C-alpha atoms as a PDB file:
ATOM      1  CA  UNK A   1      76.664  69.980  64.586  1.00  0.00           C
ATOM      2  CA  UNK A   2      73.740  72.329  64.598  1.00  0.00           C
ATOM      3  CA  UNK A   3      70.247  71.868  65.329  1.00  0.00           C
ATOM      4  CA  UNK A   4      67.425  74.035  64.686  1.00  0.00           C
ATOM      5  CA  UNK A   5      64.251  74.393  66.387  1.00  0.00           C
ATOM      6  CA  UNK A   6      61.371  76.168  66.304  1.00  0.00           C
ATOM      7  CA  UNK A   7      59.162  77.514  68.970  1.00  0.00           C
ATOM      8  CA  UNK A   8      55.390  75.565  69.585  1.00  0.00           C
ATOM      9  CA  UNK A   9      54.379  79.574  68.776  1.00  0.00           C
ATOM     10  CA  UNK A  10      56.280  80.066  66.094  1.00  0.00           C
ATOM     11  CA  UNK A  11      58.216  83.140  66.640  1.00  0.00           C
ATOM     12  CA  UNK A  12      61.561  82.490  67.793  1.00  0.00           C
ATOM     13  CA  UNK A  13      64.201  79.311  66.836  1.00  0.00           C
ATOM     14  CA  UNK A  14      66.185  77.355  68.912  1.00  0.00           C
ATOM     15  CA  UNK A  15      69.593  76.155  68.149  1.00  0.00           C
ATOM     16  CA  UNK A  16      72.684  74.367  69.086  1.00  0.00           C
ATOM     17  CA  UNK A  17      75.864  75.659  67.254  1.00  0.00           C
ATOM     18  CA  UNK A  18      79.154  76.481  67.753  1.00  0.00           C
ATOM     19  CA  UNK A  19      78.935  80.062  67.314  1.00  0.00           C
ATOM     20  CA  UNK A  20      82.662  81.432  69.137  1.00  0.00           C
ATOM     21  CA  UNK A  21      84.742  78.758  68.520  1.00  0.00           C
ATOM     22  CA  UNK A  22      84.987  75.316  66.359  1.00  0.00           C
ATOM     23  CA  UNK A  23      85.115  74.032  70.417  1.00  0.00           C
ATOM     24  CA  UNK A  24      81.998  74.742  72.192  1.00  0.00           C
ATOM     25  CA  UNK A  25      78.851  74.225  71.653  1.00  0.00           C
ATOM     26  CA  UNK A  26      76.076  76.184  73.171  1.00  0.00           C
ATOM     27  CA  UNK A  27      72.203  76.307  72.911  1.00  0.00           C
ATOM     28  CA  UNK A  28      71.311  79.752  71.711  1.00  0.00           C
ATOM     29  CA  UNK A  29      68.247  81.663  70.763  1.00  0.00           C
ATOM     30  CA  UNK A  30      67.062  83.710  67.393  1.00  0.00           C
ATOM     31  CA  UNK A  31      64.036  85.938  66.753  1.00  0.00           C
ATOM     32  CA  UNK A  32      61.723  83.924  64.083  1.00  0.00           C
ATOM     33  CA  UNK A  33      62.543  87.041  61.804  1.00  0.00           C
ATOM     34  CA  UNK A  34      66.612  86.789  62.513  1.00  0.00           C
ATOM     35  CA  UNK A  35      68.593  88.676  63.963  1.00  0.00           C
ATOM     36  CA  UNK A  36      71.180  88.407  66.858  1.00  0.00           C
ATOM     37  CA  UNK A  37      71.573  85.001  68.315  1.00  0.00           C
ATOM     38  CA  UNK A  38      71.117  84.682  72.557  1.00  0.00           C
ATOM     39  CA  UNK A  39      73.277  82.133  74.127  1.00  0.00           C
ATOM     40  CA  UNK A  40      71.222  80.252  77.006  1.00  0.00           C
ATOM     41  CA  UNK A  41      74.193  78.272  78.627  1.00  0.00           C
ATOM     42  CA  UNK A  42      77.136  79.744  79.413  1.00  0.00           C
ATOM     43  CA  UNK A  43      80.048  76.976  80.460  1.00  0.00           C
ATOM     44  CA  UNK A  44      82.512  76.870  78.196  1.00  0.00           C
ATOM     45  CA  UNK A  45      82.352  73.400  76.289  1.00  0.00           C
ATOM     46  CA  UNK A  46      79.755  70.970  74.755  1.00  0.00           C
ATOM     47  CA  UNK A  47      76.272  71.410  75.772  1.00  0.00           C
ATOM     48  CA  UNK A  48      73.532  68.917  74.278  1.00  0.00           C
ATOM     49  CA  UNK A  49      71.067  71.055  75.560  1.00  0.00           C
ATOM     50  CA  UNK A  50      66.702  69.991  74.789  1.00  0.00           C
ATOM     51  CA  UNK A  51      63.639  72.465  75.155  1.00  0.00           C
ATOM     52  CA  UNK A  52      60.702  70.664  76.892  1.00  0.00           C
ATOM     53  CA  UNK A  53      57.920  70.566  75.119  1.00  0.00           C
ATOM     54  CA  UNK A  54      56.316  73.362  77.257  1.00  0.00           C
ATOM     55  CA  UNK A  55      59.653  75.604  76.588  1.00  0.00           C
ATOM     56  CA  UNK A  56      60.099  76.958  80.046  1.00  0.00           C
ATOM     57  CA  UNK A  57      62.877  74.541  80.634  1.00  0.00           C
ATOM     58  CA  UNK A  58      66.262  72.958  79.423  1.00  0.00           C
ATOM     59  CA  UNK A  59      67.909  69.745  79.520  1.00  0.00           C
ATOM     60  CA  UNK A  60      71.414  70.086  79.093  1.00  0.00           C
ATOM     61  CA  UNK A  61      74.190  67.545  79.045  1.00  0.00           C
ATOM     62  CA  UNK A  62      77.335  69.346  79.329  1.00  0.00           C
ATOM     63  CA  UNK A  63      80.674  68.078  79.168  1.00  0.00           C
ATOM     64  CA  UNK A  64      84.306  69.814  79.232  1.00  0.00           C
ATOM     65  CA  UNK A  65      87.811  68.346  78.038  1.00  0.00           C
ATOM     66  CA  UNK A  66      89.080  67.052  81.793  1.00  0.00           C
ATOM     67  CA  UNK A  67      85.043  67.120  83.270  1.00  0.00           C
ATOM     68  CA  UNK A  68      82.706  63.327  81.806  1.00  0.00           C
ATOM     69  CA  UNK A  69      78.922  64.670  80.490  1.00  0.00           C
ATOM     70  CA  UNK A  70      76.935  65.931  83.262  1.00  0.00           C
ATOM     71  CA  UNK A  71      73.525  66.370  83.017  1.00  0.00           C
ATOM     72  CA  UNK A  72      71.870  69.954  83.683  1.00  0.00           C
ATOM     73  CA  UNK A  73      68.553  71.283  83.997  1.00  0.00           C
ATOM     74  CA  UNK A  74      67.784  74.828  83.833  1.00  0.00           C
ATOM     75  CA  UNK A  75      64.978  78.115  83.459  1.00  0.00           C
ATOM     76  CA  UNK A  76      64.939  78.253  79.247  1.00  0.00           C
ATOM     77  CA  UNK A  77      65.972  81.905  79.452  1.00  0.00           C
ATOM     78  CA  UNK A  78      69.170  83.636  78.485  1.00  0.00           C
ATOM     79  CA  UNK A  79      71.924  83.643  81.357  1.00  0.00           C
ATOM     80  CA  UNK A  80      73.255  86.669  82.335  1.00  0.00           C
ATOM     81  CA  UNK A  81      76.646  87.158  82.643  1.00  0.00           C
ATOM     82  CA  UNK A  82      78.636  87.829  85.676  1.00  0.00           C
ATOM     83  CA  UNK A  83      79.687  91.866  85.263  1.00  0.00           C
ATOM     84  CA  UNK A  84      77.109  92.711  82.741  1.00  0.00           C
END
């Protein structure tokens, strides 16, 4: 399932997509001009994420094969991968 939302200032898009694996769903950000996707969620599994109206926060309902859905709130920024 793909979901797309344009930012308030129309400079970028928020996408929920399965880019890395058909078994995972993540929230991404992409420039309004196109280009690479920047992943905003990190843990493997399914993320049903929604960006707040002021675009400062992300509400994320996260689940994995052996874990029931849980609600997380995080800042709206790319997560730094360990070791990078």
